[in-house]
Amino acid sequence: MRFMRLLPAALLTMLVGCSSAADDAASPADTQAASNPLQAARTTVRVHYPAAAHTLTLTTDRAPVATTDRDNDTREFSFADVSGALSVKPMLGDVPARGPHYTVRAGQTLDIYPHFFEKRGRVSTRWPHFKSKVHPQPGGMGRPIEVYLPPSYEENPTARFPVIYMMDSQIVFGNSILGTTVMGDMLVDEAMDAAAESGAIAESIVVGIVSPISPCILDPMEDRNLELTPTKAVDPTGSVRKSGDGPKFVSMLVNELKPLVDRELRTRPARESTFIGGASLGGLMSVYAGVTRGDVFGGIVSLSASAFWDERVAARMVRSAKTGPNQTLKVYADIGGGEVYPDTDIKDMMVVTNEDLFQAYADAGYVEGKTLMALVTPVREPGKEHNGKHWAKRIPSALAFVVGPGR
């Protein structure tokens, strides 16, 4: 009928029969609703939580028009005549959900999986002896796989979570005295706990892959370096003696570890909710995984990548990779402004090659601030930024960009 209100009154009378033009005239409220379709939009909030004998309610600035128990673990709240957005927070009895309020926009259906009591997640060695067929360890040995479960995981069994795969778990969670003594602690679990309270990062499962320690006394990192290099090449620093098992490592992640994680934990397995990250050679492998298996990993975090490897192979792969639906969706990459590679005096090698990598992503169509965050950090401690202490400072913003906020 909206088009009829624009017609002359006489024609309106002919079209509507005995109804008069005055009867059909638009009221101020009708006119406002017509000009703003969201004004009358129905807005729904579904809260998923096993409330048991407690009552689930919402704190908000307007009362819902309907409240429905969909099942034992889901309560639905409907709002009418919402314009703009509503700020809501679930309540379990008189206990508010942890973290900031949620925002629901007019016409939107928002599913919330809150938690009310737990403040911290939990890190454990979920699989002490994980063995791979496509990338076996020397002597057939298994490796530990460590897992961080966010605060909501045990408290709210209705919730499912994104997964972040991270290399060098010895320094990801700081559980290795040797690892943290040499390279520092990235404090990833602490960052995720803080984000669960602030809403800065969506609560996620973090899977830490422990890097192998070689029995070679002269080079205990030999097996680790072998699996975290995507190609066979001569290392200009002289510190990597064996290389090129990166493709096998990624195949292990995609074809063996990820199916195990998705089978045994409550994950969101789609690539939009699957991420990979690492530092140094782990950053290099994150780039490689994003280029070759963007159909699996929706976002990557590359901290201080060894972008010099194999004559800048990472930048070359990014530039030559086909764009399209399998291209990884978001990229965070950084480099410390004062970094040189450990135990070398090759000045600017890390910074210059990473800047080339950043430009490669831009050349491939990634947009700074939207699908790409690339930065050179200020020089704080020249030559000493290639360690967990500095990566710990950057990991919260890196994960916030790639994974996205929890509110």
Protein backbone atom coordinates (compact mmCIF):
# COMPACT_ATOMS: atom_id res chain seq x y z
CA MET A 1 0.00 0.00 0.00
CA ARG A 2 2.96 2.33 0.34
CA PHE A 3 2.89 3.31 -3.36
CA MET A 4 -0.83 4.20 -3.06
CA ARG A 5 -0.13 6.90 -0.52
CA LEU A 6 1.77 8.77 -3.17
CA LEU A 7 -1.25 8.90 -5.53
CA PRO A 8 -3.81 11.73 -5.78
CA ALA A 9 -6.75 11.46 -3.39
CA ALA A 10 -9.29 10.99 -6.20
CA LEU A 11 -7.39 8.06 -7.67
CA LEU A 12 -7.00 6.58 -4.22
CA THR A 13 -10.79 6.69 -3.79
CA MET A 14 -11.25 4.79 -7.05
CA LEU A 15 -8.71 2.14 -6.08
CA VAL A 16 -9.96 1.45 -2.55
CA GLY A 17 -13.69 1.73 -3.24
CA CYS A 18 -15.66 3.21 -0.36
CA SER A 19 -12.57 3.95 1.73
CA SER A 20 -11.77 7.63 1.85
CA ALA A 21 -8.39 9.18 1.25
CA ALA A 22 -8.45 10.52 4.78
CA ASP A 23 -9.01 7.03 6.21
CA ASP A 24 -6.02 5.71 4.27
CA ALA A 25 -3.71 8.61 5.08
CA ALA A 26 -0.40 7.65 6.65
CA SER A 27 0.00 8.23 10.37
CA PRO A 28 3.28 9.79 11.62
CA ALA A 29 4.22 6.38 13.11
CA ASP A 30 3.49 4.62 9.80
CA THR A 31 5.57 7.13 7.91
CA GLN A 32 8.48 6.69 10.32
CA ALA A 33 8.30 2.87 10.10
CA ALA A 34 8.16 3.01 6.31
CA SER A 35 11.21 5.25 6.10
CA ASN A 36 13.09 3.10 8.60
CA PRO A 37 12.36 -0.61 8.00
CA LEU A 38 14.56 -1.61 10.96
CA GLN A 39 12.26 0.32 13.29
CA ALA A 40 9.78 -2.57 13.29
CA ALA A 41 12.31 -5.36 12.92
CA ARG A 42 11.98 -8.31 15.27
CA THR A 43 15.17 -8.94 17.20
CA THR A 44 15.99 -12.22 18.93
CA VAL A 45 18.55 -13.24 21.54
CA ARG A 46 19.07 -16.93 22.27
CA VAL A 47 21.02 -17.77 25.42
CA HIS A 48 22.53 -21.27 25.47
CA TYR A 49 23.47 -22.51 28.93
CA PRO A 50 22.51 -25.50 31.13
CA ALA A 51 20.71 -23.43 33.75
CA ALA A 52 19.31 -26.44 35.65
CA ALA A 53 17.19 -25.06 38.52
CA HIS A 54 18.35 -21.48 37.96
CA THR A 55 16.55 -18.86 35.88
CA LEU A 56 18.11 -17.33 32.77
CA THR A 57 17.21 -13.70 32.17
CA LEU A 58 18.65 -10.71 30.32
CA THR A 59 19.65 -7.29 31.52
CA THR A 60 18.84 -4.76 28.82
CA ASP A 61 17.31 -1.33 28.35
CA ARG A 62 13.95 -2.70 27.16
CA ALA A 63 11.74 -5.61 28.05
CA PRO A 64 11.34 -8.52 25.60
CA VAL A 65 7.90 -9.05 24.10
CA ALA A 66 8.26 -12.82 24.37
CA THR A 67 10.39 -15.30 26.30
CA THR A 68 10.47 -18.94 25.24
CA ASP A 69 12.31 -21.98 26.57
CA ARG A 70 13.40 -23.73 23.36
CA ASP A 71 14.87 -26.68 25.23
CA ASN A 72 16.49 -27.41 28.58
CA ASP A 73 19.60 -25.43 27.61
CA THR A 74 18.24 -22.61 25.44
CA ARG A 75 16.08 -19.61 26.32
CA GLU A 76 14.94 -17.23 23.60
CA PHE A 77 14.10 -13.56 24.08
CA SER A 78 12.30 -11.58 21.36
CA PHE A 79 12.12 -7.81 21.02
CA ALA A 80 9.92 -5.69 18.77
CA ASP A 81 10.34 -2.16 17.44
CA VAL A 82 14.11 -2.18 17.90
CA SER A 83 16.05 0.55 16.16
CA GLY A 84 19.82 0.63 16.14
CA ALA A 85 21.11 -1.85 18.68
CA LEU A 86 20.47 -3.33 22.09
CA SER A 87 23.04 -3.96 24.79
CA VAL A 88 22.30 -7.21 26.63
CA LYS A 89 23.89 -9.41 29.25
CA PRO A 90 22.64 -12.82 30.43
CA MET A 91 21.89 -13.36 34.11
CA LEU A 92 21.87 -16.72 35.88
CA GLY A 93 19.66 -15.94 38.82
CA ASP A 94 21.34 -12.86 40.22
CA VAL A 95 24.79 -13.67 38.75
CA PRO A 96 25.76 -11.72 35.59
CA ALA A 97 27.67 -13.37 32.76
CA ARG A 98 31.38 -12.68 32.81
CA GLY A 99 32.77 -10.14 30.37
CA PRO A 100 31.20 -7.05 28.81
CA HIS A 101 27.70 -6.71 27.42
CA TYR A 102 26.77 -8.22 24.07
CA THR A 103 25.39 -6.07 21.27
CA VAL A 104 22.48 -7.22 19.13
CA ARG A 105 21.30 -5.12 16.19
CA ALA A 106 17.79 -4.61 14.93
CA GLY A 107 16.50 -7.60 13.02
CA GLN A 108 19.42 -9.79 14.12
CA THR A 109 19.27 -13.18 15.83
CA LEU A 110 22.13 -13.43 18.32
CA ASP A 111 23.22 -16.72 19.89
CA ILE A 112 25.08 -16.30 23.18
CA TYR A 113 27.04 -19.02 24.96
CA PRO A 114 27.94 -17.34 28.28
CA HIS A 115 29.84 -18.41 31.33
CA PHE A 116 29.24 -17.06 34.81
CA PHE A 117 31.89 -18.41 37.16
CA GLU A 118 35.16 -19.50 35.54
CA LYS A 119 37.85 -16.82 35.19
CA ARG A 120 40.64 -18.87 33.65
CA GLY A 121 41.08 -21.52 31.05
CA ARG A 122 43.09 -24.67 31.49
CA VAL A 123 46.26 -25.93 29.79
CA SER A 124 46.98 -29.64 29.73
CA THR A 125 48.92 -32.17 27.70
CA ARG A 126 45.90 -33.61 25.95
CA TRP A 127 47.80 -36.14 23.83
CA PRO A 128 51.17 -37.04 25.42
CA HIS A 129 52.31 -39.33 22.60
CA PHE A 130 50.77 -38.11 19.35
CA LYS A 131 52.19 -40.10 16.44
CA SER A 132 52.00 -39.23 12.77
CA LYS A 133 52.11 -41.53 9.76
CA VAL A 134 52.78 -38.76 7.23
CA HIS A 135 55.42 -37.04 9.39
CA PRO A 136 56.83 -39.60 11.83
CA GLN A 137 59.38 -38.62 14.44
CA PRO A 138 62.83 -40.24 14.49
CA GLY A 139 62.63 -43.69 16.04
CA GLY A 140 58.83 -43.70 15.83
CA MET A 141 58.55 -41.55 18.94
CA GLY A 142 55.41 -39.56 19.67
CA ARG A 143 55.24 -35.90 20.60
CA PRO A 144 53.15 -34.09 23.21
CA ILE A 145 50.21 -31.97 22.05
CA GLU A 146 49.20 -29.33 24.58
CA VAL A 147 45.73 -27.80 24.63
CA TYR A 148 44.31 -24.65 26.18
CA LEU A 149 40.57 -24.87 26.87
CA PRO A 150 38.91 -21.46 27.45
CA PRO A 151 36.95 -20.56 30.61
CA SER A 152 33.59 -21.44 29.05
CA TYR A 153 34.61 -24.90 27.89
CA GLU A 154 33.94 -26.96 31.01
CA GLU A 155 31.27 -24.68 32.46
CA ASN A 156 29.09 -24.42 29.36
CA PRO A 157 28.94 -27.74 27.47
CA THR A 158 26.58 -26.23 24.86
CA ALA A 159 29.37 -24.04 23.46
CA ARG A 160 31.68 -24.84 20.53
CA PHE A 161 34.88 -22.94 19.86
CA PRO A 162 37.30 -21.75 17.17
CA VAL A 163 40.70 -23.44 17.18
CA ILE A 164 44.13 -21.81 16.96
CA TYR A 165 47.02 -24.13 16.09
CA MET A 166 50.39 -22.86 17.28
CA MET A 167 53.90 -24.16 16.76
CA ASP A 168 56.69 -24.34 19.37
CA SER A 169 54.32 -25.05 22.22
CA GLN A 170 57.28 -25.05 24.62
CA ILE A 171 57.12 -21.25 24.58
CA VAL A 172 53.42 -20.79 23.71
CA PHE A 173 52.25 -21.71 27.21
CA GLY A 174 55.59 -21.51 29.01
CA ASN A 175 55.48 -25.11 30.20
CA SER A 176 59.08 -25.87 29.27
CA ILE A 177 61.79 -24.55 31.57
CA LEU A 178 64.39 -25.01 28.86
CA GLY A 179 62.23 -23.37 26.19
CA THR A 180 61.32 -20.32 28.24
CA THR A 181 64.88 -19.93 29.52
CA VAL A 182 66.21 -19.78 25.97
CA MET A 183 63.36 -18.04 24.14
CA GLY A 184 60.92 -16.71 26.75
CA ASP A 185 57.19 -17.25 27.32
CA MET A 186 54.61 -16.01 24.78
CA LEU A 187 51.91 -16.04 27.50
CA VAL A 188 49.20 -17.13 25.08
CA ASP A 189 47.02 -18.68 27.77
CA GLU A 190 47.22 -15.51 29.87
CA ALA A 191 46.31 -13.43 26.82
CA MET A 192 43.29 -15.61 26.08
CA ASP A 193 42.12 -15.50 29.71
CA ALA A 194 42.32 -11.70 29.73
CA ALA A 195 40.44 -11.54 26.43
CA ALA A 196 37.66 -13.76 27.79
CA GLU A 197 37.06 -11.09 30.42
CA SER A 198 37.36 -8.10 28.09
CA GLY A 199 35.72 -9.64 25.03
CA ALA A 200 38.67 -8.60 22.88
CA ILE A 201 39.18 -12.10 21.41
CA ALA A 202 36.53 -14.76 20.92
CA GLU A 203 37.06 -17.60 23.37
CA SER A 204 39.05 -20.24 21.50
CA ILE A 205 40.78 -23.54 21.93
CA VAL A 206 44.54 -23.25 21.43
CA VAL A 207 46.39 -26.36 20.28
CA GLY A 208 50.13 -26.19 20.95
CA ILE A 209 52.34 -28.51 18.92
CA VAL A 210 55.49 -29.29 20.89
CA SER A 211 58.55 -29.07 18.66
CA PRO A 212 60.87 -32.07 18.65
CA ILE A 213 64.19 -31.89 20.47
CA SER A 214 66.98 -33.57 18.50
CA PRO A 215 69.32 -35.99 20.29
CA CYS A 216 72.15 -34.26 18.44
CA ILE A 217 74.11 -32.45 21.15
CA LEU A 218 75.62 -30.04 18.62
CA ASP A 219 72.19 -28.97 17.34
CA PRO A 220 69.21 -29.84 19.60
CA MET A 221 66.94 -27.79 17.29
CA GLU A 222 67.83 -29.81 14.20
CA ASP A 223 64.56 -31.77 13.95
CA ARG A 224 62.51 -28.70 14.79
CA ASN A 225 64.18 -26.67 12.04
CA LEU A 226 63.72 -29.54 9.62
CA GLU A 227 59.93 -29.60 10.03
CA LEU A 228 59.44 -25.83 10.13
CA THR A 229 61.10 -25.04 6.80
CA PRO A 230 58.91 -25.32 3.69
CA THR A 231 61.76 -25.98 1.24
CA LYS A 232 65.22 -27.47 1.16
CA ALA A 233 67.69 -24.61 1.07
CA VAL A 234 71.04 -23.40 2.35
CA ASP A 235 70.55 -21.27 5.44
CA PRO A 236 72.46 -17.96 5.10
CA THR A 237 72.77 -17.79 8.88
CA GLY A 238 74.34 -21.23 9.08
CA SER A 239 72.11 -22.30 11.97
CA VAL A 240 69.73 -24.58 10.03
CA ARG A 241 71.51 -27.70 8.84
CA LYS A 242 68.53 -29.83 7.75
CA SER A 243 65.46 -28.40 6.06
CA GLY A 244 62.44 -28.99 3.88
CA ASP A 245 59.92 -31.14 5.82
CA GLY A 246 57.39 -28.30 6.05
CA PRO A 247 54.97 -29.89 3.56
CA LYS A 248 54.90 -33.08 5.64
CA PHE A 249 54.33 -31.05 8.81
CA VAL A 250 51.34 -29.22 7.31
CA SER A 251 49.94 -32.50 6.00
CA MET A 252 50.20 -33.88 9.54
CA LEU A 253 48.25 -30.90 10.90
CA VAL A 254 45.54 -31.02 8.26
CA ASN A 255 45.07 -34.76 7.81
CA GLU A 256 45.86 -36.19 11.25
CA LEU A 257 45.89 -33.65 14.08
CA LYS A 258 42.93 -31.49 13.07
CA PRO A 259 40.58 -34.46 12.59
CA LEU A 260 41.60 -35.71 16.04
CA VAL A 261 40.98 -32.31 17.63
CA ASP A 262 37.61 -31.90 15.88
CA ARG A 263 36.58 -35.41 16.91
CA GLU A 264 37.45 -35.18 20.59
CA LEU A 265 36.87 -31.52 21.39
CA ARG A 266 33.90 -29.20 20.86
CA THR A 267 35.25 -27.21 17.93
CA ARG A 268 33.95 -25.16 15.04
CA PRO A 269 35.78 -26.99 12.25
CA ALA A 270 35.13 -24.62 9.33
CA ARG A 271 38.08 -22.63 7.99
CA GLU A 272 36.46 -19.38 9.18
CA SER A 273 37.08 -20.66 12.72
CA THR A 274 40.45 -22.39 12.18
CA PHE A 275 43.72 -20.48 12.55
CA ILE A 276 47.45 -21.14 12.64
CA GLY A 277 50.26 -19.13 14.17
CA GLY A 278 53.89 -19.17 15.15
CA ALA A 279 57.06 -17.16 15.55
CA SER A 280 60.38 -17.18 13.71
CA LEU A 281 60.40 -20.37 11.61
CA GLY A 282 56.91 -20.94 13.02
CA GLY A 283 55.91 -17.63 11.44
CA LEU A 284 57.38 -18.79 8.15
CA MET A 285 55.35 -22.00 8.34
CA SER A 286 52.19 -20.04 9.13
CA VAL A 287 52.66 -18.15 5.88
CA TYR A 288 53.27 -21.42 4.03
CA ALA A 289 50.16 -23.03 5.55
CA GLY A 290 48.05 -20.03 4.62
CA VAL A 291 49.26 -20.12 1.01
CA THR A 292 48.98 -23.87 0.48
CA ARG A 293 45.99 -24.74 2.72
CA GLY A 294 43.89 -21.61 2.85
CA ASP A 295 40.91 -23.92 2.46
CA VAL A 296 41.63 -25.14 6.01
CA PHE A 297 43.19 -22.15 7.78
CA GLY A 298 41.05 -19.03 7.63
CA GLY A 299 43.66 -16.82 9.27
CA ILE A 300 47.35 -16.82 10.12
CA VAL A 301 49.55 -15.14 12.73
CA SER A 302 53.16 -14.70 11.64
CA LEU A 303 55.40 -13.22 14.34
CA SER A 304 58.95 -12.29 13.33
CA ALA A 305 58.90 -14.74 10.43
CA SER A 306 62.15 -16.04 9.01
CA ALA A 307 61.14 -14.42 5.73
CA PHE A 308 64.73 -14.52 4.43
CA TRP A 309 64.46 -18.30 4.02
CA ASP A 310 65.29 -19.70 0.58
CA GLU A 311 65.75 -16.32 -1.08
CA ARG A 312 62.45 -14.95 0.27
CA VAL A 313 60.41 -17.98 -0.76
CA ALA A 314 57.51 -16.91 1.48
CA ALA A 315 57.02 -13.60 -0.36
CA ARG A 316 57.39 -15.34 -3.71
CA MET A 317 54.74 -17.91 -2.78
CA VAL A 318 52.31 -15.24 -1.60
CA ARG A 319 52.70 -13.29 -4.83
CA SER A 320 52.28 -16.34 -7.06
CA ALA A 321 49.45 -17.99 -5.15
CA LYS A 322 46.09 -18.04 -6.86
CA THR A 323 43.49 -15.79 -5.29
CA GLY A 324 39.99 -17.06 -4.78
CA PRO A 325 37.80 -18.92 -2.29
CA ASN A 326 40.68 -20.98 -0.90
CA GLN A 327 42.88 -17.99 -0.11
CA THR A 328 43.33 -17.57 3.64
CA LEU A 329 40.99 -14.85 4.84
CA LYS A 330 43.06 -12.78 7.29
CA VAL A 331 46.77 -12.27 7.85
CA TYR A 332 48.64 -10.76 10.79
CA ALA A 333 52.40 -10.37 10.23
CA ASP A 334 54.99 -8.36 12.12
CA ILE A 335 58.69 -7.91 12.73
CA GLY A 336 60.58 -6.27 15.57
CA GLY A 337 62.20 -3.06 14.45
CA GLY A 338 65.49 -3.96 16.09
CA GLU A 339 65.67 -7.62 15.12
CA VAL A 340 68.65 -9.40 13.71
CA TYR A 341 68.68 -13.14 13.41
CA PRO A 342 70.00 -14.80 16.59
CA ASP A 343 73.75 -15.35 16.70
CA THR A 344 74.42 -13.48 13.46
CA ASP A 345 75.38 -9.95 12.54
CA ILE A 346 73.36 -9.84 9.32
CA LYS A 347 71.90 -6.41 9.89
CA ASP A 348 68.37 -5.63 8.66
CA MET A 349 67.93 -9.09 7.15
CA MET A 350 64.83 -9.80 9.21
CA VAL A 351 63.26 -6.36 8.78
CA VAL A 352 63.90 -5.98 5.06
CA THR A 353 62.68 -9.44 4.09
CA ASN A 354 59.56 -9.12 6.23
CA GLU A 355 58.77 -5.76 4.68
CA ASP A 356 58.96 -7.53 1.32
CA LEU A 357 56.55 -10.17 2.68
CA PHE A 358 54.13 -7.46 3.83
CA GLN A 359 54.23 -5.93 0.36
CA ALA A 360 53.62 -9.35 -1.20
CA TYR A 361 50.37 -9.64 0.72
CA ALA A 362 49.33 -6.20 -0.44
CA ASP A 363 50.21 -7.17 -4.02
CA ALA A 364 48.04 -10.29 -3.61
CA GLY A 365 45.02 -8.15 -2.76
CA TYR A 366 45.01 -8.08 1.03
CA VAL A 367 43.83 -4.75 2.43
CA GLU A 368 45.57 -3.21 5.43
CA GLY A 369 43.23 -2.94 8.39
CA LYS A 370 40.61 -5.25 6.87
CA THR A 371 42.25 -8.50 5.79
CA LEU A 372 45.85 -7.63 6.63
CA MET A 373 47.68 -6.23 9.63
CA ALA A 374 51.38 -5.88 8.95
CA LEU A 375 53.77 -3.82 11.03
CA VAL A 376 57.33 -3.15 12.03
CA THR A 377 57.43 -2.53 15.76
CA PRO A 378 59.45 0.35 17.21
CA VAL A 379 63.06 -0.36 18.11
CA ARG A 380 63.04 -1.04 21.84
CA GLU A 381 65.94 -3.38 22.33
CA PRO A 382 67.97 -3.53 19.12
CA GLY A 383 68.92 -7.07 18.28
CA LYS A 384 66.95 -8.60 21.15
CA GLU A 385 63.35 -8.59 19.95
CA HIS A 386 63.45 -12.12 18.54
CA ASN A 387 62.09 -13.80 21.67
CA GLY A 388 58.96 -14.73 23.56
CA LYS A 389 59.05 -11.68 25.81
CA HIS A 390 58.37 -9.41 22.85
CA TRP A 391 56.03 -11.80 21.07
CA ALA A 392 53.93 -11.90 24.25
CA LYS A 393 53.40 -8.14 23.91
CA ARG A 394 52.13 -8.51 20.35
CA ILE A 395 50.09 -11.71 20.57
CA PRO A 396 46.91 -10.12 22.05
CA SER A 397 46.47 -7.67 19.16
CA ALA A 398 47.49 -10.33 16.64
CA LEU A 399 44.84 -12.80 17.79
CA ALA A 400 42.23 -10.06 18.22
CA PHE A 401 42.68 -9.12 14.55
CA VAL A 402 42.73 -12.62 13.09
CA VAL A 403 40.24 -14.45 15.34
CA GLY A 404 37.99 -11.48 15.99
CA PRO A 405 36.29 -10.16 19.12
CA GLY A 406 34.10 -12.14 21.45
CA ARG A 407 31.47 -9.42 21.72
